[in-house]
PDB file of N, CA and C in Angstrom:
ATOM      1  N   MET A   1    -146.852 120.854   7.964  1.00  0.00           N
ATOM      2  CA  MET A   1    -146.442 122.051   8.640  1.00  0.00           C
ATOM      3  C   MET A   1    -144.970 122.008   9.025  1.00  0.00           C
ATOM      4  N   VAL A   2    -144.442 120.827   9.215  1.00  0.00           N
ATOM      5  CA  VAL A   2    -143.052 120.701   9.661  1.00  0.00           C
ATOM      6  C   VAL A   2    -142.110 121.394   8.687  1.00  0.00           C
ATOM      7  N   LYS A   3    -142.339 121.196   7.407  1.00  0.00           N
ATOM      8  CA  LYS A   3    -141.441 121.770   6.404  1.00  0.00           C
ATOM      9  C   LYS A   3    -141.829 123.186   6.005  1.00  0.00           C
ATOM     10  N   ALA A   4    -143.015 123.632   6.384  1.00  0.00           N
ATOM     11  CA  ALA A   4    -143.501 124.948   5.978  1.00  0.00           C
ATOM     12  C   ALA A   4    -142.911 126.081   6.813  1.00  0.00           C
ATOM     13  N   TYR A   5    -142.409 125.772   8.008  1.00  0.00           N
ATOM     14  CA  TYR A   5    -141.898 126.821   8.886  1.00  0.00           C
ATOM     15  C   TYR A   5    -140.642 127.448   8.301  1.00  0.00           C
ATOM     16  N   GLU A   6    -140.586 128.766   8.332  1.00  0.00           N
ATOM     17  CA  GLU A   6    -139.403 129.488   7.862  1.00  0.00           C
ATOM     18  C   GLU A   6    -138.592 129.944   9.063  1.00  0.00           C
ATOM     19  N   HIS A   7    -137.344 129.539   9.115  1.00  0.00           N
ATOM     20  CA  HIS A   7    -136.440 129.890  10.209  1.00  0.00           C
ATOM     21  C   HIS A   7    -136.384 131.406  10.359  1.00  0.00           C
ATOM     22  N   ARG A   8    -136.420 131.878  11.604  1.00  0.00           N
ATOM     23  CA  ARG A   8    -136.381 133.306  11.889  1.00  0.00           C
ATOM     24  C   ARG A   8    -135.065 133.667  12.564  1.00  0.00           C
ATOM     25  N   GLN A   9    -134.702 134.906  12.479  1.00  0.00           N
ATOM     26  CA  GLN A   9    -133.444 135.394  13.040  1.00  0.00           C
ATOM     27  C   GLN A   9    -133.369 135.175  14.546  1.00  0.00           C
ATOM     28  N   ASN A  10    -134.491 135.302  15.248  1.00  0.00           N
ATOM     29  CA  ASN A  10    -134.466 135.159  16.702  1.00  0.00           C
ATOM     30  C   ASN A  10    -134.726 133.728  17.184  1.00  0.00           C
ATOM     31  N   ASP A  11    -134.675 132.744  16.271  1.00  0.00           N
ATOM     32  CA  ASP A  11    -134.785 131.341  16.659  1.00  0.00           C
ATOM     33  C   ASP A  11    -133.482 130.897  17.295  1.00  0.00           C
ATOM     34  N   ILE A  12    -133.571 130.336  18.485  1.00  0.00           N
ATOM     35  CA  ILE A  12    -132.400 129.832  19.186  1.00  0.00           C
ATOM     36  C   ILE A  12    -132.122 128.393  18.760  1.00  0.00           C
ATOM     37  N   GLN A  13    -133.195 127.635  18.609  1.00  0.00           N
ATOM     38  CA  GLN A  13    -133.089 126.231  18.229  1.00  0.00           C
ATOM     39  C   GLN A  13    -134.222 125.914  17.259  1.00  0.00           C
ATOM     40  N   ASP A  14    -133.938 125.106  16.260  1.00  0.00           N
ATOM     41  CA  ASP A  14    -134.938 124.713  15.276  1.00  0.00           C
ATOM     42  C   ASP A  14    -134.572 123.315  14.812  1.00  0.00           C
ATOM     43  N   GLU A  15    -135.307 122.318  15.320  1.00  0.00           N
ATOM     44  CA  GLU A  15    -134.983 120.949  14.947  1.00  0.00           C
ATOM     45  C   GLU A  15    -136.236 120.139  14.674  1.00  0.00           C
ATOM     46  N   ILE A  16    -136.100 119.132  13.843  1.00  0.00           N
ATOM     47  CA  ILE A  16    -137.195 118.240  13.512  1.00  0.00           C
ATOM     48  C   ILE A  16    -136.955 116.926  14.239  1.00  0.00           C
ATOM     49  N   ILE A  17    -137.963 116.504  15.010  1.00  0.00           N
ATOM     50  CA  ILE A  17    -137.897 115.263  15.757  1.00  0.00           C
ATOM     51  C   ILE A  17    -139.084 114.420  15.298  1.00  0.00           C
ATOM     52  N   GLY A  18    -138.809 113.438  14.452  1.00  0.00           N
ATOM     53  CA  GLY A  18    -139.893 112.644  13.862  1.00  0.00           C
ATOM     54  C   GLY A  18    -140.739 113.520  12.969  1.00  0.00           C
ATOM     55  N   ASP A  19    -142.030 113.626  13.288  1.00  0.00           N
ATOM     56  CA  ASP A  19    -142.916 114.482  12.493  1.00  0.00           C
ATOM     57  C   ASP A  19    -143.273 115.769  13.233  1.00  0.00           C
ATOM     58  N   VAL A  20    -142.412 116.153  14.196  1.00  0.00           N
ATOM     59  CA  VAL A  20    -142.623 117.380  14.974  1.00  0.00           C
ATOM     60  C   VAL A  20    -141.442 118.311  14.763  1.00  0.00           C
ATOM     61  N   ARG A  21    -141.731 119.579  14.532  1.00  0.00           N
ATOM     62  CA  ARG A  21    -140.678 120.584  14.454  1.00  0.00           C
ATOM     63  C   ARG A  21    -140.690 121.357  15.760  1.00  0.00           C
ATOM     64  N   GLN A  22    -139.575 121.358  16.450  1.00  0.00           N
ATOM     65  CA  GLN A  22    -139.464 122.056  17.732  1.00  0.00           C
ATOM     66  C   GLN A  22    -138.610 123.297  17.544  1.00  0.00           C
ATOM     67  N   VAL A  23    -139.205 124.437  17.853  1.00  0.00           N
ATOM     68  CA  VAL A  23    -138.523 125.716  17.690  1.00  0.00           C
ATOM     69  C   VAL A  23    -138.454 126.403  19.043  1.00  0.00           C
ATOM     70  N   VAL A  24    -137.263 126.824  19.412  1.00  0.00           N
ATOM     71  CA  VAL A  24    -137.066 127.626  20.611  1.00  0.00           C
ATOM     72  C   VAL A  24    -136.709 129.014  20.113  1.00  0.00           C
ATOM     73  N   ARG A  25    -137.462 129.994  20.590  1.00  0.00           N
ATOM     74  CA  ARG A  25    -137.305 131.347  20.066  1.00  0.00           C
ATOM     75  C   ARG A  25    -137.246 132.359  21.199  1.00  0.00           C
ATOM     76  N   ARG A  26    -136.403 133.354  21.027  1.00  0.00           N
ATOM     77  CA  ARG A  26    -136.361 134.476  21.953  1.00  0.00           C
ATOM     78  C   ARG A  26    -137.525 135.404  21.582  1.00  0.00           C
ATOM     79  N   VAL A  27    -138.348 135.741  22.577  1.00  0.00           N
ATOM     80  CA  VAL A  27    -139.538 136.546  22.333  1.00  0.00           C
ATOM     81  C   VAL A  27    -139.502 137.779  23.221  1.00  0.00           C
ATOM     82  N   SER A  28    -139.628 138.939  22.609  1.00  0.00           N
ATOM     83  CA  SER A  28    -139.631 140.173  23.386  1.00  0.00           C
ATOM     84  C   SER A  28    -141.048 140.581  23.791  1.00  0.00           C
ATOM     85  N   ASN A  29    -142.037 140.184  22.991  1.00  0.00           N
ATOM     86  CA  ASN A  29    -143.421 140.528  23.293  1.00  0.00           C
ATOM     87  C   ASN A  29    -144.299 139.311  22.995  1.00  0.00           C
ATOM     88  N   PRO A  30    -144.799 138.622  24.027  1.00  0.00           N
ATOM     89  CA  PRO A  30    -145.606 137.419  23.826  1.00  0.00           C
ATOM     90  C   PRO A  30    -146.874 137.646  23.000  1.00  0.00           C
ATOM     91  N   PHE A  31    -147.388 138.862  22.977  1.00  0.00           N
ATOM     92  CA  PHE A  31    -148.597 139.162  22.209  1.00  0.00           C
ATOM     93  C   PHE A  31    -148.452 138.707  20.762  1.00  0.00           C
ATOM     94  N   TRP A  32    -147.332 139.024  20.137  1.00  0.00           N
ATOM     95  CA  TRP A  32    -147.130 138.687  18.726  1.00  0.00           C
ATOM     96  C   TRP A  32    -146.913 137.200  18.528  1.00  0.00           C
ATOM     97  N   LEU A  33    -146.279 136.544  19.479  1.00  0.00           N
ATOM     98  CA  LEU A  33    -146.097 135.091  19.378  1.00  0.00           C
ATOM     99  C   LEU A  33    -147.453 134.393  19.458  1.00  0.00           C
ATOM    100  N   VAL A  34    -148.310 134.833  20.360  1.00  0.00           N
ATOM    101  CA  VAL A  34    -149.647 134.243  20.472  1.00  0.00           C
ATOM    102  C   VAL A  34    -150.391 134.411  19.155  1.00  0.00           C
ATOM    103  N   ARG A  35    -150.336 135.577  18.573  1.00  0.00           N
ATOM    104  CA  ARG A  35    -150.984 135.814  17.267  1.00  0.00           C
ATOM    105  C   ARG A  35    -150.456 134.864  16.195  1.00  0.00           C
ATOM    106  N   GLU A  36    -149.151 134.685  16.174  1.00  0.00           N
ATOM    107  CA  GLU A  36    -148.540 133.812  15.171  1.00  0.00           C
ATOM    108  C   GLU A  36    -148.956 132.358  15.385  1.00  0.00           C
ATOM    109  N   VAL A  37    -148.929 131.906  16.621  1.00  0.00           N
ATOM    110  CA  VAL A  37    -149.270 130.519  16.932  1.00  0.00           C
ATOM    111  C   VAL A  37    -150.729 130.226  16.595  1.00  0.00           C
ATOM    112  N   LEU A  38    -151.625 131.130  16.922  1.00  0.00           N
ATOM    113  CA  LEU A  38    -153.051 130.891  16.698  1.00  0.00           C
ATOM    114  C   LEU A  38    -153.387 130.687  15.225  1.00  0.00           C
ATOM    115  N   ARG A  39    -152.661 131.291  14.347  1.00  0.00           N
ATOM    116  CA  ARG A  39    -152.994 131.123  12.923  1.00  0.00           C
ATOM    117  C   ARG A  39    -152.718 129.704  12.426  1.00  0.00           C
ATOM    118  N   TYR A  40    -151.906 128.947  13.170  1.00  0.00           N
ATOM    119  CA  TYR A  40    -151.632 127.557  12.789  1.00  0.00           C
ATOM    120  C   TYR A  40    -152.623 126.586  13.419  1.00  0.00           C
ATOM    121  N   GLY A  41    -153.502 127.097  14.281  1.00  0.00           N
ATOM    122  CA  GLY A  41    -154.545 126.265  14.875  1.00  0.00           C
ATOM    123  C   GLY A  41    -153.991 125.058  15.599  1.00  0.00           C
ATOM    124  N   ARG A  42    -154.597 123.909  15.340  1.00  0.00           N
ATOM    125  CA  ARG A  42    -154.226 122.686  16.058  1.00  0.00           C
ATOM    126  C   ARG A  42    -152.882 122.119  15.637  1.00  0.00           C
ATOM    127  N   ASP A  43    -152.262 122.674  14.614  1.00  0.00           N
ATOM    128  CA  ASP A  43    -150.973 122.168  14.146  1.00  0.00           C
ATOM    129  C   ASP A  43    -149.783 122.749  14.903  1.00  0.00           C
ATOM    130  N   CYS A  44    -150.041 123.592  15.892  1.00  0.00           N
ATOM    131  CA  CYS A  44    -148.962 124.249  16.618  1.00  0.00           C
ATOM    132  C   CYS A  44    -149.330 124.359  18.087  1.00  0.00           C
ATOM    133  N   ALA A  45    -148.334 124.185  18.961  1.00  0.00           N
ATOM    134  CA  ALA A  45    -148.584 124.294  20.404  1.00  0.00           C
ATOM    135  C   ALA A  45    -147.421 124.992  21.084  1.00  0.00           C
ATOM    136  N   VAL A  46    -147.746 125.862  22.014  1.00  0.00           N
ATOM    137  CA  VAL A  46    -146.729 126.483  22.865  1.00  0.00           C
ATOM    138  C   VAL A  46    -146.606 125.587  24.093  1.00  0.00           C
ATOM    139  N   ILE A  47    -145.392 125.163  24.403  1.00  0.00           N
ATOM    140  CA  ILE A  47    -145.213 124.278  25.556  1.00  0.00           C
ATOM    141  C   ILE A  47    -144.496 124.967  26.711  1.00  0.00           C
ATOM    142  N   SER A  48    -143.920 126.122  26.450  1.00  0.00           N
ATOM    143  CA  SER A  48    -143.191 126.839  27.486  1.00  0.00           C
ATOM    144  C   SER A  48    -142.919 128.252  26.981  1.00  0.00           C
ATOM    145  N   PRO A  49    -142.835 129.239  27.814  1.00  0.00           N
ATOM    146  CA  PRO A  49    -143.048 129.299  29.261  1.00  0.00           C
ATOM    147  C   PRO A  49    -144.538 129.324  29.584  1.00  0.00           C
ATOM    148  N   ASP A  50    -144.834 129.107  30.859  1.00  0.00           N
ATOM    149  CA  ASP A  50    -146.219 129.004  31.303  1.00  0.00           C
ATOM    150  C   ASP A  50    -147.044 130.249  31.006  1.00  0.00           C
ATOM    151  N   ASN A  51    -146.446 131.428  31.133  1.00  0.00           N
ATOM    152  CA  ASN A  51    -147.231 132.651  30.900  1.00  0.00           C
ATOM    153  C   ASN A  51    -147.688 132.767  29.444  1.00  0.00           C
ATOM    154  N   VAL A  52    -146.897 132.270  28.519  1.00  0.00           N
ATOM    155  CA  VAL A  52    -147.300 132.314  27.109  1.00  0.00           C
ATOM    156  C   VAL A  52    -148.348 131.235  26.836  1.00  0.00           C
ATOM    157  N   CYS A  53    -148.180 130.052  27.446  1.00  0.00           N
ATOM    158  CA  CYS A  53    -149.209 129.007  27.329  1.00  0.00           C
ATOM    159  C   CYS A  53    -150.549 129.530  27.827  1.00  0.00           C
ATOM    160  N   GLU A  54    -150.535 130.212  28.958  1.00  0.00           N
ATOM    161  CA  GLU A  54    -151.760 130.763  29.530  1.00  0.00           C
ATOM    162  C   GLU A  54    -152.355 131.840  28.632  1.00  0.00           C
ATOM    163  N   ALA A  55    -151.521 132.629  27.981  1.00  0.00           N
ATOM    164  CA  ALA A  55    -152.021 133.662  27.064  1.00  0.00           C
ATOM    165  C   ALA A  55    -152.730 133.026  25.870  1.00  0.00           C
ATOM    166  N   VAL A  56    -152.195 131.916  25.366  1.00  0.00           N
ATOM    167  CA  VAL A  56    -152.843 131.202  24.253  1.00  0.00           C
ATOM    168  C   VAL A  56    -154.180 130.641  24.726  1.00  0.00           C
ATOM    169  N   LYS A  57    -154.194 130.006  25.886  1.00  0.00           N
ATOM    170  CA  LYS A  57    -155.439 129.450  26.428  1.00  0.00           C
ATOM    171  C   LYS A  57    -156.491 130.536  26.610  1.00  0.00           C
ATOM    172  N   LYS A  58    -156.079 131.664  27.159  1.00  0.00           N
ATOM    173  CA  LYS A  58    -157.016 132.766  27.397  1.00  0.00           C
ATOM    174  C   LYS A  58    -157.637 133.241  26.087  1.00  0.00           C
ATOM    175  N   GLU A  59    -156.811 133.400  25.074  1.00  0.00           N
ATOM    176  CA  GLU A  59    -157.312 133.845  23.767  1.00  0.00           C
ATOM    177  C   GLU A  59    -158.307 132.839  23.188  1.00  0.00           C
ATOM    178  N   LEU A  60    -157.999 131.560  23.297  1.00  0.00           N
ATOM    179  CA  LEU A  60    -158.895 130.518  22.779  1.00  0.00           C
ATOM    180  C   LEU A  60    -160.222 130.497  23.541  1.00  0.00           C
ATOM    181  N   LEU A  61    -160.147 130.632  24.860  1.00  0.00           N
ATOM    182  CA  LEU A  61    -161.379 130.658  25.652  1.00  0.00           C
ATOM    183  C   LEU A  61    -162.249 131.857  25.295  1.00  0.00           C
ATOM    184  N   GLU A  62    -161.630 132.989  25.075  1.00  0.00           N
ATOM    185  CA  GLU A  62    -162.391 134.183  24.685  1.00  0.00           C
ATOM    186  C   GLU A  62    -163.052 133.992  23.324  1.00  0.00           C
ATOM    187  N   MET A  63    -162.363 133.324  22.423  1.00  0.00           N
ATOM    188  CA  MET A  63    -162.956 133.050  21.115  1.00  0.00           C
ATOM    189  C   MET A  63    -164.143 132.094  21.258  1.00  0.00           C
ATOM    190  N   CYS A  64    -164.014 131.074  22.102  1.00  0.00           N
ATOM    191  CA  CYS A  64    -165.116 130.142  22.330  1.00  0.00           C
ATOM    192  C   CYS A  64    -166.333 130.867  22.905  1.00  0.00           C
ATOM    193  N   ARG A  65    -166.087 131.748  23.852  1.00  0.00           N
ATOM    194  CA  ARG A  65    -167.198 132.517  24.436  1.00  0.00           C
ATOM    195  C   ARG A  65    -167.877 133.393  23.388  1.00  0.00           C
ATOM    196  N   ARG A  66    -167.096 133.991  22.548  1.00  0.00           N
ATOM    197  CA  ARG A  66    -167.654 134.872  21.508  1.00  0.00           C
ATOM    198  C   ARG A  66    -168.627 134.111  20.602  1.00  0.00           C
ATOM    199  N   TYR A  67    -168.313 132.835  20.329  1.00  0.00           N
ATOM    200  CA  TYR A  67    -169.135 132.035  19.436  1.00  0.00           C
ATOM    201  C   TYR A  67    -170.050 131.062  20.189  1.00  0.00           C
ATOM    202  N   ASN A  68    -170.204 131.304  21.497  1.00  0.00           N
ATOM    203  CA  ASN A  68    -171.083 130.487  22.331  1.00  0.00           C
ATOM    204  C   ASN A  68    -170.739 128.994  22.269  1.00  0.00           C
ATOM    205  N   LEU A  69    -169.468 128.688  22.280  1.00  0.00           N
ATOM    206  CA  LEU A  69    -169.004 127.302  22.298  1.00  0.00           C
ATOM    207  C   LEU A  69    -168.662 126.912  23.724  1.00  0.00           C
ATOM    208  N   THR A  70    -169.006 125.709  24.099  1.00  0.00           N
ATOM    209  CA  THR A  70    -168.655 125.227  25.430  1.00  0.00           C
ATOM    210  C   THR A  70    -167.684 124.062  25.294  1.00  0.00           C
ATOM    211  N   LEU A  71    -166.831 123.957  26.302  1.00  0.00           N
ATOM    212  CA  LEU A  71    -165.845 122.880  26.298  1.00  0.00           C
ATOM    213  C   LEU A  71    -166.274 121.770  27.227  1.00  0.00           C
TER     214      LEU A  71
END
């Protein structure tokens, strides 16, 4: 996944550290970022800001509930 990411115009920082690609991006609407991140599953994580992390968690929890999965 590290090499598969395509740099975007609104990326502020895009660097590879070992086997991790760290991207800092300006986001106008977190909804679309959450959608983009979820398609990468466990290969991608939002680490900041907290409100976007919480939006990802909320979406994942709702998906677990839909499929009767417990954590």
